[in-house]
C-alpha atoms as a PDB file:
ATOM      1  CA  MET A   1      59.785  22.443  79.380  1.00  0.00           C
ATOM      2  CA  THR A   2      57.250  24.784  80.687  1.00  0.00           C
ATOM      3  CA  GLY A   3      53.716  23.232  80.381  1.00  0.00           C
ATOM      4  CA  PRO A   4      50.457  24.912  79.534  1.00  0.00           C
ATOM      5  CA  GLN A   5      49.031  26.718  82.727  1.00  0.00           C
ATOM      6  CA  SER A   6      45.945  25.589  84.411  1.00  0.00           C
ATOM      7  CA  GLY A   7      44.013  28.630  83.089  1.00  0.00           C
ATOM      8  CA  ALA A   8      44.306  27.275  79.525  1.00  0.00           C
ATOM      9  CA  THR A   9      41.644  24.743  79.267  1.00  0.00           C
ATOM     10  CA  GLY A  10      41.781  24.201  75.682  1.00  0.00           C
ATOM     11  CA  PRO A  11      41.037  25.882  72.420  1.00  0.00           C
ATOM     12  CA  GLN A  12      37.630  27.502  72.196  1.00  0.00           C
ATOM     13  CA  SER A  13      35.907  28.652  68.992  1.00  0.00           C
ATOM     14  CA  GLY A  14      38.220  31.782  68.428  1.00  0.00           C
ATOM     15  CA  ALA A  15      41.292  29.722  68.932  1.00  0.00           C
ATOM     16  CA  THR A  16      40.487  26.600  66.949  1.00  0.00           C
ATOM     17  CA  SER A  17      41.905  27.862  63.667  1.00  0.00           C
ATOM     18  CA  PRO A  18      45.351  29.017  64.943  1.00  0.00           C
ATOM     19  CA  LEU A  19      45.740  25.768  66.892  1.00  0.00           C
ATOM     20  CA  ALA A  20      45.008  23.678  63.980  1.00  0.00           C
ATOM     21  CA  SER A  21      48.385  24.899  62.482  1.00  0.00           C
ATOM     22  CA  ALA A  22      50.289  24.035  65.665  1.00  0.00           C
ATOM     23  CA  THR A  23      52.867  21.722  63.841  1.00  0.00           C
ATOM     24  CA  GLY A  24      53.692  24.802  61.418  1.00  0.00           C
ATOM     25  CA  LEU A  25      54.109  27.154  64.428  1.00  0.00           C
ATOM     26  CA  LEU A  26      56.456  24.679  66.099  1.00  0.00           C
ATOM     27  CA  ALA A  27      58.509  24.238  62.909  1.00  0.00           C
ATOM     28  CA  GLY A  28      58.863  27.956  62.754  1.00  0.00           C
ATOM     29  CA  ALA A  29      60.045  28.221  66.199  1.00  0.00           C
ATOM     30  CA  ILE A  30      62.569  25.396  65.899  1.00  0.00           C
ATOM     31  CA  SER A  31      63.928  26.869  62.690  1.00  0.00           C
ATOM     32  CA  TYR A  32      64.523  30.179  64.330  1.00  0.00           C
ATOM     33  CA  ALA A  33      66.136  28.750  67.450  1.00  0.00           C
ATOM     34  CA  LEU A  34      68.431  26.481  65.434  1.00  0.00           C
ATOM     35  CA  SER A  35      69.600  29.170  63.178  1.00  0.00           C
ATOM     36  CA  VAL A  36      70.499  31.256  66.399  1.00  0.00           C
ATOM     37  CA  CYS A  37      72.101  28.386  68.141  1.00  0.00           C
ATOM     38  CA  ALA A  38      74.161  27.370  65.041  1.00  0.00           C
ATOM     39  CA  LEU A  39      76.220  30.478  65.702  1.00  0.00           C
ATOM     40  CA  VAL A  40      77.206  29.448  69.148  1.00  0.00           C
ATOM     41  CA  ARG A  41      80.778  28.350  69.748  1.00  0.00           C
ATOM     42  CA  GLN A  42      82.292  26.200  72.421  1.00  0.00           C
ATOM     43  CA  GLY A  43      84.154  29.090  73.992  1.00  0.00           C
ATOM     44  CA  GLU A  44      80.845  31.027  74.590  1.00  0.00           C
ATOM     45  CA  MET A  45      79.326  28.408  76.818  1.00  0.00           C
ATOM     46  CA  ALA A  46      80.041  30.258  80.040  1.00  0.00           C
ATOM     47  CA  LEU A  47      78.324  33.474  78.763  1.00  0.00           C
ATOM     48  CA  PRO A  48      75.512  34.862  81.078  1.00  0.00           C
ATOM     49  CA  THR A  49      72.147  34.806  79.578  1.00  0.00           C
ATOM     50  CA  PRO A  50      68.855  36.741  80.177  1.00  0.00           C
ATOM     51  CA  CYS A  51      67.675  33.727  82.376  1.00  0.00           C
ATOM     52  CA  ALA A  52      68.761  34.419  85.848  1.00  0.00           C
ATOM     53  CA  GLU A  53      71.644  32.264  87.018  1.00  0.00           C
ATOM     54  CA  TRP A  54      71.822  30.299  83.763  1.00  0.00           C
ATOM     55  CA  ASP A  55      74.743  30.396  81.647  1.00  0.00           C
ATOM     56  CA  LEU A  56      74.681  29.563  77.823  1.00  0.00           C
ATOM     57  CA  SER A  57      75.530  25.833  78.272  1.00  0.00           C
ATOM     58  CA  MET A  58      72.675  25.552  80.910  1.00  0.00           C
ATOM     59  CA  LEU A  59      70.298  27.276  78.612  1.00  0.00           C
ATOM     60  CA  LEU A  60      71.004  24.987  75.733  1.00  0.00           C
ATOM     61  CA  GLY A  61      70.631  22.009  77.862  1.00  0.00           C
ATOM     62  CA  HIS A  62      67.310  23.260  79.104  1.00  0.00           C
ATOM     63  CA  LEU A  63      66.200  23.985  75.413  1.00  0.00           C
ATOM     64  CA  SER A  64      67.234  20.466  74.443  1.00  0.00           C
ATOM     65  CA  ASP A  65      65.461  18.914  77.442  1.00  0.00           C
ATOM     66  CA  SER A  66      62.396  20.883  76.612  1.00  0.00           C
ATOM     67  CA  MET A  67      62.348  19.647  73.124  1.00  0.00           C
ATOM     68  CA  ALA A  68      62.735  16.016  74.393  1.00  0.00           C
ATOM     69  CA  ASP A  69      59.969  16.381  76.951  1.00  0.00           C
ATOM     70  CA  LEU A  70      57.562  17.871  74.077  1.00  0.00           C
ATOM     71  CA  GLU A  71      58.658  15.041  71.820  1.00  0.00           C
ATOM     72  CA  THR A  72      57.655  12.432  74.488  1.00  0.00           C
ATOM     73  CA  ALA A  73      54.427  14.234  75.348  1.00  0.00           C
ATOM     74  CA  ILE A  74      53.129  14.264  71.701  1.00  0.00           C
ATOM     75  CA  ARG A  75      54.306  10.802  71.022  1.00  0.00           C
ATOM     76  CA  THR A  76      52.965   9.185  74.279  1.00  0.00           C
ATOM     77  CA  GLY A  77      50.080  11.557  75.169  1.00  0.00           C
ATOM     78  CA  HIS A  78      51.697  12.306  78.648  1.00  0.00           C
ATOM     79  CA  LEU A  79      53.702  15.254  79.991  1.00  0.00           C
ATOM     80  CA  ASP A  80      55.432  14.764  83.283  1.00  0.00           C
ATOM     81  CA  LEU A  81      55.773  18.172  85.140  1.00  0.00           C
ATOM     82  CA  ASN A  82      57.832  16.840  87.989  1.00  0.00           C
ATOM     83  CA  TRP A  83      61.298  17.077  86.526  1.00  0.00           C
ATOM     84  CA  PRO A  84      64.465  17.054  88.716  1.00  0.00           C
ATOM     85  CA  ALA A  85      65.620  20.417  89.741  1.00  0.00           C
ATOM     86  CA  ASP A  86      68.974  20.112  87.907  1.00  0.00           C
ATOM     87  CA  ARG A  87      67.600  19.236  84.543  1.00  0.00           C
ATOM     88  CA  ALA A  88      69.194  22.444  83.090  1.00  0.00           C
ATOM     89  CA  ASP A  89      72.605  20.926  83.614  1.00  0.00           C
ATOM     90  CA  ALA A  90      71.829  17.924  81.460  1.00  0.00           C
ATOM     91  CA  GLY A  91      73.272  19.600  78.313  1.00  0.00           C
ATOM     92  CA  ARG A  92      76.855  19.572  79.930  1.00  0.00           C
ATOM     93  CA  ALA A  93      77.492  15.873  79.604  1.00  0.00           C
ATOM     94  CA  GLY A  94      76.382  15.036  76.084  1.00  0.00           C
ATOM     95  CA  GLY A  95      79.216  16.375  73.754  1.00  0.00           C
ATOM     96  CA  ASP A  96      78.459  19.332  71.676  1.00  0.00           C
ATOM     97  CA  PRO A  97      75.074  20.790  73.162  1.00  0.00           C
ATOM     98  CA  VAL A  98      74.269  22.379  69.747  1.00  0.00           C
ATOM     99  CA  GLU A  99      74.504  18.989  68.012  1.00  0.00           C
ATOM    100  CA  VAL A 100      72.226  17.439  70.855  1.00  0.00           C
ATOM    101  CA  LEU A 101      69.857  20.233  70.186  1.00  0.00           C
ATOM    102  CA  ARG A 102      69.618  19.591  66.506  1.00  0.00           C
ATOM    103  CA  ASP A 103      69.026  15.937  67.107  1.00  0.00           C
ATOM    104  CA  ARG A 104      66.209  16.467  69.527  1.00  0.00           C
ATOM    105  CA  ALA A 105      64.646  19.083  67.249  1.00  0.00           C
ATOM    106  CA  ALA A 106      64.541  16.497  64.563  1.00  0.00           C
ATOM    107  CA  GLN A 107      62.833  14.074  66.824  1.00  0.00           C
ATOM    108  CA  LEU A 108      60.351  16.568  67.975  1.00  0.00           C
ATOM    109  CA  LEU A 109      59.400  17.551  64.239  1.00  0.00           C
ATOM    110  CA  GLY A 110      59.086  13.926  63.403  1.00  0.00           C
ATOM    111  CA  ALA A 111      56.676  13.281  66.354  1.00  0.00           C
ATOM    112  CA  SER A 112      54.608  16.413  65.693  1.00  0.00           C
ATOM    113  CA  TYR A 113      54.007  15.440  62.045  1.00  0.00           C
ATOM    114  CA  CYS A 114      53.334  11.761  62.841  1.00  0.00           C
ATOM    115  CA  TYR A 115      51.183  12.020  66.063  1.00  0.00           C
ATOM    116  CA  ALA A 116      49.807  15.507  66.313  1.00  0.00           C
ATOM    117  CA  GLY A 117      46.142  15.817  65.312  1.00  0.00           C
ATOM    118  CA  PRO A 118      42.907  17.754  66.126  1.00  0.00           C
ATOM    119  CA  GLU A 119      41.543  14.731  68.209  1.00  0.00           C
ATOM    120  CA  ARG A 120      44.761  13.817  70.059  1.00  0.00           C
ATOM    121  CA  LEU A 121      45.114  14.789  73.714  1.00  0.00           C
ATOM    122  CA  VAL A 122      48.100  15.037  76.108  1.00  0.00           C
ATOM    123  CA  ALA A 123      47.681  14.653  79.938  1.00  0.00           C
ATOM    124  CA  VAL A 124      49.532  17.592  81.536  1.00  0.00           C
ATOM    125  CA  GLY A 125      49.676  16.935  85.190  1.00  0.00           C
ATOM    126  CA  GLY A 126      46.706  14.678  84.808  1.00  0.00           C
ATOM    127  CA  LEU A 127      44.692  17.259  82.869  1.00  0.00           C
ATOM    128  CA  PRO A 128      43.815  16.288  79.321  1.00  0.00           C
ATOM    129  CA  LEU A 129      44.708  19.053  76.752  1.00  0.00           C
ATOM    130  CA  PRO A 130      44.608  19.124  72.955  1.00  0.00           C
ATOM    131  CA  ALA A 131      48.098  18.101  71.599  1.00  0.00           C
ATOM    132  CA  GLY A 132      47.885  21.340  69.364  1.00  0.00           C
ATOM    133  CA  LEU A 133      47.699  23.590  72.513  1.00  0.00           C
ATOM    134  CA  VAL A 134      50.617  21.765  74.086  1.00  0.00           C
ATOM    135  CA  ALA A 135      52.653  22.142  70.907  1.00  0.00           C
ATOM    136  CA  CYS A 136      51.989  25.828  70.538  1.00  0.00           C
ATOM    137  CA  THR A 137      52.902  26.368  74.190  1.00  0.00           C
ATOM    138  CA  GLY A 138      56.204  24.534  73.374  1.00  0.00           C
ATOM    139  CA  ALA A 139      56.652  26.662  70.329  1.00  0.00           C
ATOM    140  CA  VAL A 140      56.667  29.851  72.396  1.00  0.00           C
ATOM    141  CA  GLU A 141      59.001  28.619  74.831  1.00  0.00           C
ATOM    142  CA  ILE A 142      61.344  27.341  72.079  1.00  0.00           C
ATOM    143  CA  ALA A 143      61.198  30.695  70.303  1.00  0.00           C
ATOM    144  CA  VAL A 144      61.785  32.845  73.332  1.00  0.00           C
ATOM    145  CA  HIS A 145      64.764  30.682  74.466  1.00  0.00           C
ATOM    146  CA  GLY A 146      66.145  31.026  71.018  1.00  0.00           C
ATOM    147  CA  TRP A 147      66.048  34.704  71.573  1.00  0.00           C
ATOM    148  CA  ASP A 148      67.604  34.386  75.002  1.00  0.00           C
ATOM    149  CA  VAL A 149      70.573  32.536  73.359  1.00  0.00           C
ATOM    150  CA  SER A 150      70.967  35.387  70.758  1.00  0.00           C
ATOM    151  CA  ALA A 151      70.622  38.043  73.420  1.00  0.00           C
ATOM    152  CA  ALA A 152      73.304  36.440  75.390  1.00  0.00           C
ATOM    153  CA  ARG A 153      75.727  36.518  72.467  1.00  0.00           C
ATOM    154  CA  GLY A 154      74.639  40.013  71.519  1.00  0.00           C
ATOM    155  CA  ARG A 155      75.239  41.671  74.734  1.00  0.00           C
ATOM    156  CA  ALA A 156      78.680  39.952  74.953  1.00  0.00           C
ATOM    157  CA  GLY A 157      79.559  41.555  71.624  1.00  0.00           C
ATOM    158  CA  ARG A 158      79.212  38.384  69.597  1.00  0.00           C
ATOM    159  CA  GLY A 159      77.013  39.933  66.972  1.00  0.00           C
ATOM    160  CA  GLY A 160      73.666  41.601  67.255  1.00  0.00           C
ATOM    161  CA  THR A 161      70.444  40.011  68.806  1.00  0.00           C
ATOM    162  CA  ARG A 162      68.421  38.241  66.048  1.00  0.00           C
ATOM    163  CA  PRO A 163      64.827  39.043  66.606  1.00  0.00           C
ATOM    164  CA  ILE A 164      62.098  36.536  66.396  1.00  0.00           C
ATOM    165  CA  PRO A 165      60.837  36.711  62.717  1.00  0.00           C
ATOM    166  CA  ALA A 166      57.794  39.007  62.386  1.00  0.00           C
ATOM    167  CA  ALA A 167      55.386  36.513  61.002  1.00  0.00           C
ATOM    168  CA  LEU A 168      56.118  33.912  63.650  1.00  0.00           C
ATOM    169  CA  ALA A 169      56.009  36.423  66.401  1.00  0.00           C
ATOM    170  CA  THR A 170      52.645  37.824  65.263  1.00  0.00           C
ATOM    171  CA  ARG A 171      50.985  34.474  65.342  1.00  0.00           C
ATOM    172  CA  MET A 172      52.450  33.851  68.856  1.00  0.00           C
ATOM    173  CA  LEU A 173      51.238  37.216  70.217  1.00  0.00           C
ATOM    174  CA  ARG A 174      47.710  36.207  69.207  1.00  0.00           C
ATOM    175  CA  LEU A 175      48.051  32.897  71.149  1.00  0.00           C
ATOM    176  CA  CYS A 176      49.777  34.168  74.215  1.00  0.00           C
ATOM    177  CA  PRO A 177      46.685  35.225  76.238  1.00  0.00           C
ATOM    178  CA  LEU A 178      45.535  31.751  75.917  1.00  0.00           C
ATOM    179  CA  LEU A 179      48.850  30.035  76.568  1.00  0.00           C
ATOM    180  CA  VAL A 180      50.446  32.227  79.219  1.00  0.00           C
ATOM    181  CA  ALA A 181      47.715  32.201  81.808  1.00  0.00           C
ATOM    182  CA  GLY A 182      50.107  32.371  84.770  1.00  0.00           C
ATOM    183  CA  ARG A 183      53.743  33.743  85.153  1.00  0.00           C
ATOM    184  CA  GLU A 184      55.017  32.934  88.584  1.00  0.00           C
ATOM    185  CA  GLY A 185      58.296  31.016  88.051  1.00  0.00           C
ATOM    186  CA  LEU A 186      57.885  30.914  84.367  1.00  0.00           C
ATOM    187  CA  PHE A 187      58.025  34.633  82.948  1.00  0.00           C
ATOM    188  CA  ASP A 188      58.737  37.938  84.485  1.00  0.00           C
ATOM    189  CA  VAL A 189      56.279  40.695  84.294  1.00  0.00           C
ATOM    190  CA  PRO A 190      55.700  42.321  80.836  1.00  0.00           C
ATOM    191  CA  VAL A 191      58.284  44.815  79.678  1.00  0.00           C
ATOM    192  CA  GLU A 192      56.832  47.844  78.061  1.00  0.00           C
ATOM    193  CA  VAL A 193      58.045  48.511  74.465  1.00  0.00           C
ATOM    194  CA  THR A 194      57.395  51.355  72.095  1.00  0.00           C
ATOM    195  CA  ALA A 195      54.355  51.636  69.886  1.00  0.00           C
ATOM    196  CA  GLN A 196      56.788  51.076  66.907  1.00  0.00           C
ATOM    197  CA  ALA A 197      58.245  47.964  68.196  1.00  0.00           C
ATOM    198  CA  SER A 198      58.523  45.051  65.868  1.00  0.00           C
ATOM    199  CA  PRO A 199      56.334  41.844  66.485  1.00  0.00           C
ATOM    200  CA  GLY A 200      59.450  40.098  67.791  1.00  0.00           C
ATOM    201  CA  ASP A 201      60.193  42.761  70.243  1.00  0.00           C
ATOM    202  CA  ARG A 202      56.629  42.996  71.533  1.00  0.00           C
ATOM    203  CA  LEU A 203      56.643  39.229  71.910  1.00  0.00           C
ATOM    204  CA  VAL A 204      59.863  39.106  74.116  1.00  0.00           C
ATOM    205  CA  GLY A 205      58.498  42.122  76.027  1.00  0.00           C
ATOM    206  CA  TYR A 206      55.285  40.376  76.762  1.00  0.00           C
ATOM    207  CA  LEU A 207      57.279  37.373  77.953  1.00  0.00           C
ATOM    208  CA  GLY A 208      59.369  39.573  80.363  1.00  0.00           C
ATOM    209  CA  ARG A 209      62.455  40.317  78.255  1.00  0.00           C
ATOM    210  CA  ASP A 210      63.774  43.757  77.482  1.00  0.00           C
ATOM    211  CA  PRO A 211      64.532  43.735  73.637  1.00  0.00           C
ATOM    212  CA  ALA A 212      66.642  46.971  73.900  1.00  0.00           C
ATOM    213  CA  THR A 213      69.008  46.002  76.641  1.00  0.00           C
ATOM    214  CA  PRO A 214      68.370  42.316  77.719  1.00  0.00           C
ATOM    215  CA  PRO A 215      68.483  42.123  81.531  1.00  0.00           C
ATOM    216  CA  LEU A 216      68.592  39.130  83.765  1.00  0.00           C
ATOM    217  CA  VAL A 217      64.913  37.749  84.168  1.00  0.00           C
ATOM    218  CA  THR A 218      63.482  35.865  87.018  1.00  0.00           C
ATOM    219  CA  GLY A 219      61.511  33.367  85.006  1.00  0.00           C
ATOM    220  CA  GLN A 220      62.732  30.656  82.653  1.00  0.00           C
END
């Protein structure tokens, strides 16, 4: 999964309150992602996604691995940023990738309720960060990749793209300036959306996705 950037040094006075509810934010992101992924069928695994060079199978594998990495980070207090380059292929060899995703989501939620607390730290690349900050960063990634899954199916004519719920997206938009301090290799430049855009569309636009016509994006 994508870890918090070096510019995010921890919650300050204005960020303490939203980060205290990190587990709720994470639960909301997981609920949205699972509701989208539950619609995926085996025959759709080769569909292209908004993530450049990734098909749907690879995206689901990456999302599962991200959840597993976050669960380990919260449980052990350590997040390793040096993953093998082919981690996105891991979902291909584990049976039904959606079932794998559900199992890892359950493990992640269990860890977040058991181990996350205001005093708990996670070492990210050797830098200790509040577990709540790490969980919120993971929640944003899980939600936006859930949207990527929905967009992949939507532009292939497998139903409309399901937006990230407004309440969830609004909370994430408030946190994004703290969590997304750098974009290179992670997210593309923000996509401009209309003033009337929903919170979900504004969130994916901020993270480099076009909510109207999902293009290929360079970041993961």
